[in-house]
Amino acid sequence: MDSDDAELDQLQAAYKEAVEIWVAAIRAEEALASVHHSVVELDAWENAHFAAEDARAKAEATKAAYEGVLRSRLFGFD
């Protein structure tokens, strides 16, 4: 394995991990949406939504980093 592949593998793994965290956050939000809501539960549900959005943003950032390096290597541009 050369260092180019190692870097791509690392970026790909980071992206996959970020997506898994995002999926878990979505499932946590969904679970809170499926119960009878009190004010406390509503706040928890809303906070879960914000956590899912943060996880989505991180997944998109890691995808962009991976995709940018991949495009540069495959096509020679950024």
N, C-alpha and C. Protein backbone atom coordinates (compact mmCIF):
# COMPACT_ATOMS: atom_id res chain seq x y z
N MET A 1 0.85 -1.18 0.00
CA MET A 1 0.00 0.00 0.00
C MET A 1 0.89 1.23 0.00
N ASP A 2 0.66 2.12 -0.91
CA ASP A 2 1.46 3.33 -0.91
C ASP A 2 0.81 4.40 -0.04
N SER A 3 1.53 5.47 0.20
CA SER A 3 1.03 6.50 1.10
C SER A 3 -0.21 7.19 0.55
N ASP A 4 -0.33 7.27 -0.79
CA ASP A 4 -1.53 7.86 -1.38
C ASP A 4 -2.76 7.06 -1.01
N ASP A 5 -2.68 5.74 -1.13
CA ASP A 5 -3.80 4.89 -0.77
C ASP A 5 -4.09 4.96 0.73
N ALA A 6 -3.05 5.03 1.53
CA ALA A 6 -3.24 5.11 2.98
C ALA A 6 -4.01 6.37 3.36
N GLU A 7 -3.67 7.48 2.72
CA GLU A 7 -4.38 8.72 3.01
C GLU A 7 -5.84 8.62 2.58
N LEU A 8 -6.09 8.08 1.39
CA LEU A 8 -7.47 7.90 0.93
C LEU A 8 -8.23 6.94 1.83
N ASP A 9 -7.58 5.86 2.25
CA ASP A 9 -8.23 4.91 3.16
C ASP A 9 -8.61 5.58 4.47
N GLN A 10 -7.72 6.42 4.98
CA GLN A 10 -8.00 7.13 6.23
C GLN A 10 -9.16 8.10 6.06
N LEU A 11 -9.18 8.84 4.97
CA LEU A 11 -10.27 9.78 4.71
C LEU A 11 -11.60 9.05 4.52
N GLN A 12 -11.56 7.93 3.81
CA GLN A 12 -12.76 7.14 3.60
C GLN A 12 -13.28 6.58 4.92
N ALA A 13 -12.39 6.09 5.76
CA ALA A 13 -12.79 5.55 7.06
C ALA A 13 -13.40 6.64 7.94
N ALA A 14 -12.82 7.83 7.90
CA ALA A 14 -13.37 8.94 8.68
C ALA A 14 -14.77 9.29 8.20
N TYR A 15 -14.97 9.28 6.89
CA TYR A 15 -16.29 9.56 6.33
C TYR A 15 -17.30 8.50 6.76
N LYS A 16 -16.91 7.24 6.64
CA LYS A 16 -17.82 6.16 7.04
C LYS A 16 -18.19 6.26 8.52
N GLU A 17 -17.21 6.57 9.35
CA GLU A 17 -17.48 6.71 10.79
C GLU A 17 -18.43 7.88 11.05
N ALA A 18 -18.21 8.99 10.35
CA ALA A 18 -19.08 10.15 10.52
C ALA A 18 -20.51 9.83 10.10
N VAL A 19 -20.67 9.06 9.04
CA VAL A 19 -22.01 8.68 8.58
C VAL A 19 -22.67 7.77 9.62
N GLU A 20 -21.92 6.86 10.19
CA GLU A 20 -22.48 5.97 11.22
C GLU A 20 -22.94 6.77 12.44
N ILE A 21 -22.17 7.77 12.82
CA ILE A 21 -22.57 8.64 13.93
C ILE A 21 -23.82 9.42 13.58
N TRP A 22 -23.91 9.88 12.35
CA TRP A 22 -25.09 10.61 11.88
C TRP A 22 -26.32 9.71 11.92
N VAL A 23 -26.18 8.49 11.43
CA VAL A 23 -27.29 7.54 11.42
C VAL A 23 -27.75 7.26 12.85
N ALA A 24 -26.81 7.08 13.77
CA ALA A 24 -27.18 6.85 15.17
C ALA A 24 -27.93 8.05 15.75
N ALA A 25 -27.50 9.25 15.39
CA ALA A 25 -28.17 10.46 15.87
C ALA A 25 -29.58 10.56 15.31
N ILE A 26 -29.76 10.19 14.05
CA ILE A 26 -31.09 10.19 13.45
C ILE A 26 -31.99 9.19 14.16
N ARG A 27 -31.46 8.01 14.45
CA ARG A 27 -32.25 6.99 15.15
C ARG A 27 -32.62 7.44 16.55
N ALA A 28 -31.71 8.14 17.23
CA ALA A 28 -32.01 8.66 18.56
C ALA A 28 -33.13 9.70 18.48
N GLU A 29 -33.06 10.56 17.48
CA GLU A 29 -34.12 11.55 17.29
C GLU A 29 -35.45 10.87 17.00
N GLU A 30 -35.42 9.88 16.13
CA GLU A 30 -36.64 9.16 15.77
C GLU A 30 -37.26 8.47 16.98
N ALA A 31 -36.42 7.90 17.82
CA ALA A 31 -36.93 7.22 19.02
C ALA A 31 -37.64 8.20 19.94
N LEU A 32 -37.13 9.39 20.06
CA LEU A 32 -37.76 10.40 20.91
C LEU A 32 -39.05 10.93 20.28
N ALA A 33 -39.17 10.85 18.97
CA ALA A 33 -40.38 11.32 18.30
C ALA A 33 -41.51 10.32 18.45
N SER A 34 -41.20 9.13 18.92
CA SER A 34 -42.19 8.06 18.99
C SER A 34 -42.81 7.90 20.37
N VAL A 35 -42.56 8.81 21.28
CA VAL A 35 -43.11 8.70 22.63
C VAL A 35 -44.06 9.86 22.89
N HIS A 36 -44.84 9.71 23.97
CA HIS A 36 -45.72 10.80 24.40
C HIS A 36 -44.83 11.92 24.93
N HIS A 37 -45.06 13.12 24.48
CA HIS A 37 -44.16 14.21 24.82
C HIS A 37 -44.65 15.06 25.98
N SER A 38 -43.78 15.20 26.95
CA SER A 38 -43.94 16.22 27.98
C SER A 38 -43.01 17.36 27.56
N VAL A 39 -42.97 18.39 28.33
CA VAL A 39 -42.07 19.51 28.00
C VAL A 39 -40.62 19.01 28.02
N VAL A 40 -40.28 18.21 29.00
CA VAL A 40 -38.91 17.68 29.09
C VAL A 40 -38.60 16.80 27.89
N GLU A 41 -39.54 15.93 27.53
CA GLU A 41 -39.32 15.05 26.38
C GLU A 41 -39.24 15.85 25.08
N LEU A 42 -40.05 16.89 24.98
CA LEU A 42 -40.00 17.74 23.80
C LEU A 42 -38.64 18.42 23.68
N ASP A 43 -38.11 18.89 24.80
CA ASP A 43 -36.78 19.49 24.79
C ASP A 43 -35.72 18.46 24.38
N ALA A 44 -35.83 17.24 24.89
CA ALA A 44 -34.87 16.19 24.53
C ALA A 44 -34.97 15.88 23.04
N TRP A 45 -36.18 15.83 22.52
CA TRP A 45 -36.39 15.56 21.09
C TRP A 45 -35.76 16.66 20.24
N GLU A 46 -35.99 17.91 20.65
CA GLU A 46 -35.42 19.04 19.92
C GLU A 46 -33.89 19.00 19.98
N ASN A 47 -33.34 18.69 21.15
CA ASN A 47 -31.89 18.59 21.28
C ASN A 47 -31.34 17.45 20.42
N ALA A 48 -32.08 16.35 20.33
CA ALA A 48 -31.67 15.24 19.47
C ALA A 48 -31.65 15.67 18.01
N HIS A 49 -32.59 16.50 17.62
CA HIS A 49 -32.61 17.03 16.26
C HIS A 49 -31.35 17.85 15.99
N PHE A 50 -30.99 18.71 16.94
CA PHE A 50 -29.79 19.54 16.77
C PHE A 50 -28.55 18.66 16.70
N ALA A 51 -28.50 17.60 17.51
CA ALA A 51 -27.36 16.68 17.48
C ALA A 51 -27.28 15.98 16.12
N ALA A 52 -28.43 15.60 15.57
CA ALA A 52 -28.45 14.96 14.26
C ALA A 52 -27.98 15.93 13.18
N GLU A 53 -28.37 17.18 13.28
CA GLU A 53 -27.93 18.18 12.31
C GLU A 53 -26.43 18.43 12.41
N ASP A 54 -25.90 18.46 13.64
CA ASP A 54 -24.46 18.61 13.82
C ASP A 54 -23.72 17.41 13.22
N ALA A 55 -24.24 16.22 13.45
CA ALA A 55 -23.63 15.01 12.90
C ALA A 55 -23.68 15.02 11.38
N ARG A 56 -24.78 15.50 10.82
CA ARG A 56 -24.90 15.61 9.36
C ARG A 56 -23.84 16.55 8.80
N ALA A 57 -23.66 17.69 9.46
CA ALA A 57 -22.67 18.66 9.00
C ALA A 57 -21.26 18.07 9.05
N LYS A 58 -20.96 17.30 10.09
CA LYS A 58 -19.65 16.67 10.19
C LYS A 58 -19.48 15.61 9.10
N ALA A 59 -20.53 14.85 8.83
CA ALA A 59 -20.47 13.84 7.76
C ALA A 59 -20.23 14.51 6.41
N GLU A 60 -20.91 15.61 6.17
CA GLU A 60 -20.73 16.32 4.91
C GLU A 60 -19.33 16.90 4.79
N ALA A 61 -18.77 17.37 5.90
CA ALA A 61 -17.41 17.92 5.87
C ALA A 61 -16.39 16.82 5.60
N THR A 62 -16.57 15.66 6.23
CA THR A 62 -15.62 14.57 6.00
C THR A 62 -15.77 14.03 4.58
N LYS A 63 -16.99 14.04 4.05
CA LYS A 63 -17.20 13.62 2.66
C LYS A 63 -16.48 14.57 1.71
N ALA A 64 -16.62 15.85 1.97
CA ALA A 64 -15.98 16.84 1.10
C ALA A 64 -14.46 16.70 1.12
N ALA A 65 -13.90 16.42 2.29
CA ALA A 65 -12.45 16.25 2.38
C ALA A 65 -12.01 15.02 1.60
N TYR A 66 -12.72 13.92 1.79
CA TYR A 66 -12.39 12.68 1.09
C TYR A 66 -12.58 12.86 -0.41
N GLU A 67 -13.70 13.42 -0.80
CA GLU A 67 -14.00 13.61 -2.21
C GLU A 67 -13.00 14.55 -2.89
N GLY A 68 -12.58 15.58 -2.17
CA GLY A 68 -11.63 16.52 -2.74
C GLY A 68 -10.30 15.87 -3.06
N VAL A 69 -9.79 15.09 -2.12
CA VAL A 69 -8.52 14.40 -2.36
C VAL A 69 -8.69 13.35 -3.45
N LEU A 70 -9.79 12.63 -3.41
CA LEU A 70 -10.05 11.59 -4.41
C LEU A 70 -10.12 12.20 -5.82
N ARG A 71 -10.86 13.28 -5.97
CA ARG A 71 -10.95 13.95 -7.28
C ARG A 71 -9.59 14.44 -7.75
N SER A 72 -8.84 15.00 -6.82
CA SER A 72 -7.51 15.49 -7.17
C SER A 72 -6.63 14.36 -7.67
N ARG A 73 -6.69 13.22 -6.99
CA ARG A 73 -5.85 12.07 -7.38
C ARG A 73 -6.33 11.45 -8.70
N LEU A 74 -7.63 11.33 -8.85
CA LEU A 74 -8.16 10.64 -10.04
C LEU A 74 -8.18 11.52 -11.28
N PHE A 75 -8.48 12.80 -11.08
CA PHE A 75 -8.69 13.68 -12.22
C PHE A 75 -7.68 14.82 -12.32
N GLY A 76 -6.85 14.98 -11.29
CA GLY A 76 -5.82 15.99 -11.33
C GLY A 76 -6.29 17.41 -11.09
N PHE A 77 -7.46 17.56 -10.46
CA PHE A 77 -7.91 18.91 -10.12
C PHE A 77 -8.62 18.89 -8.79
N ASP A 78 -8.77 20.08 -8.21
CA ASP A 78 -9.41 20.23 -6.89
C ASP A 78 -10.87 20.54 -7.00
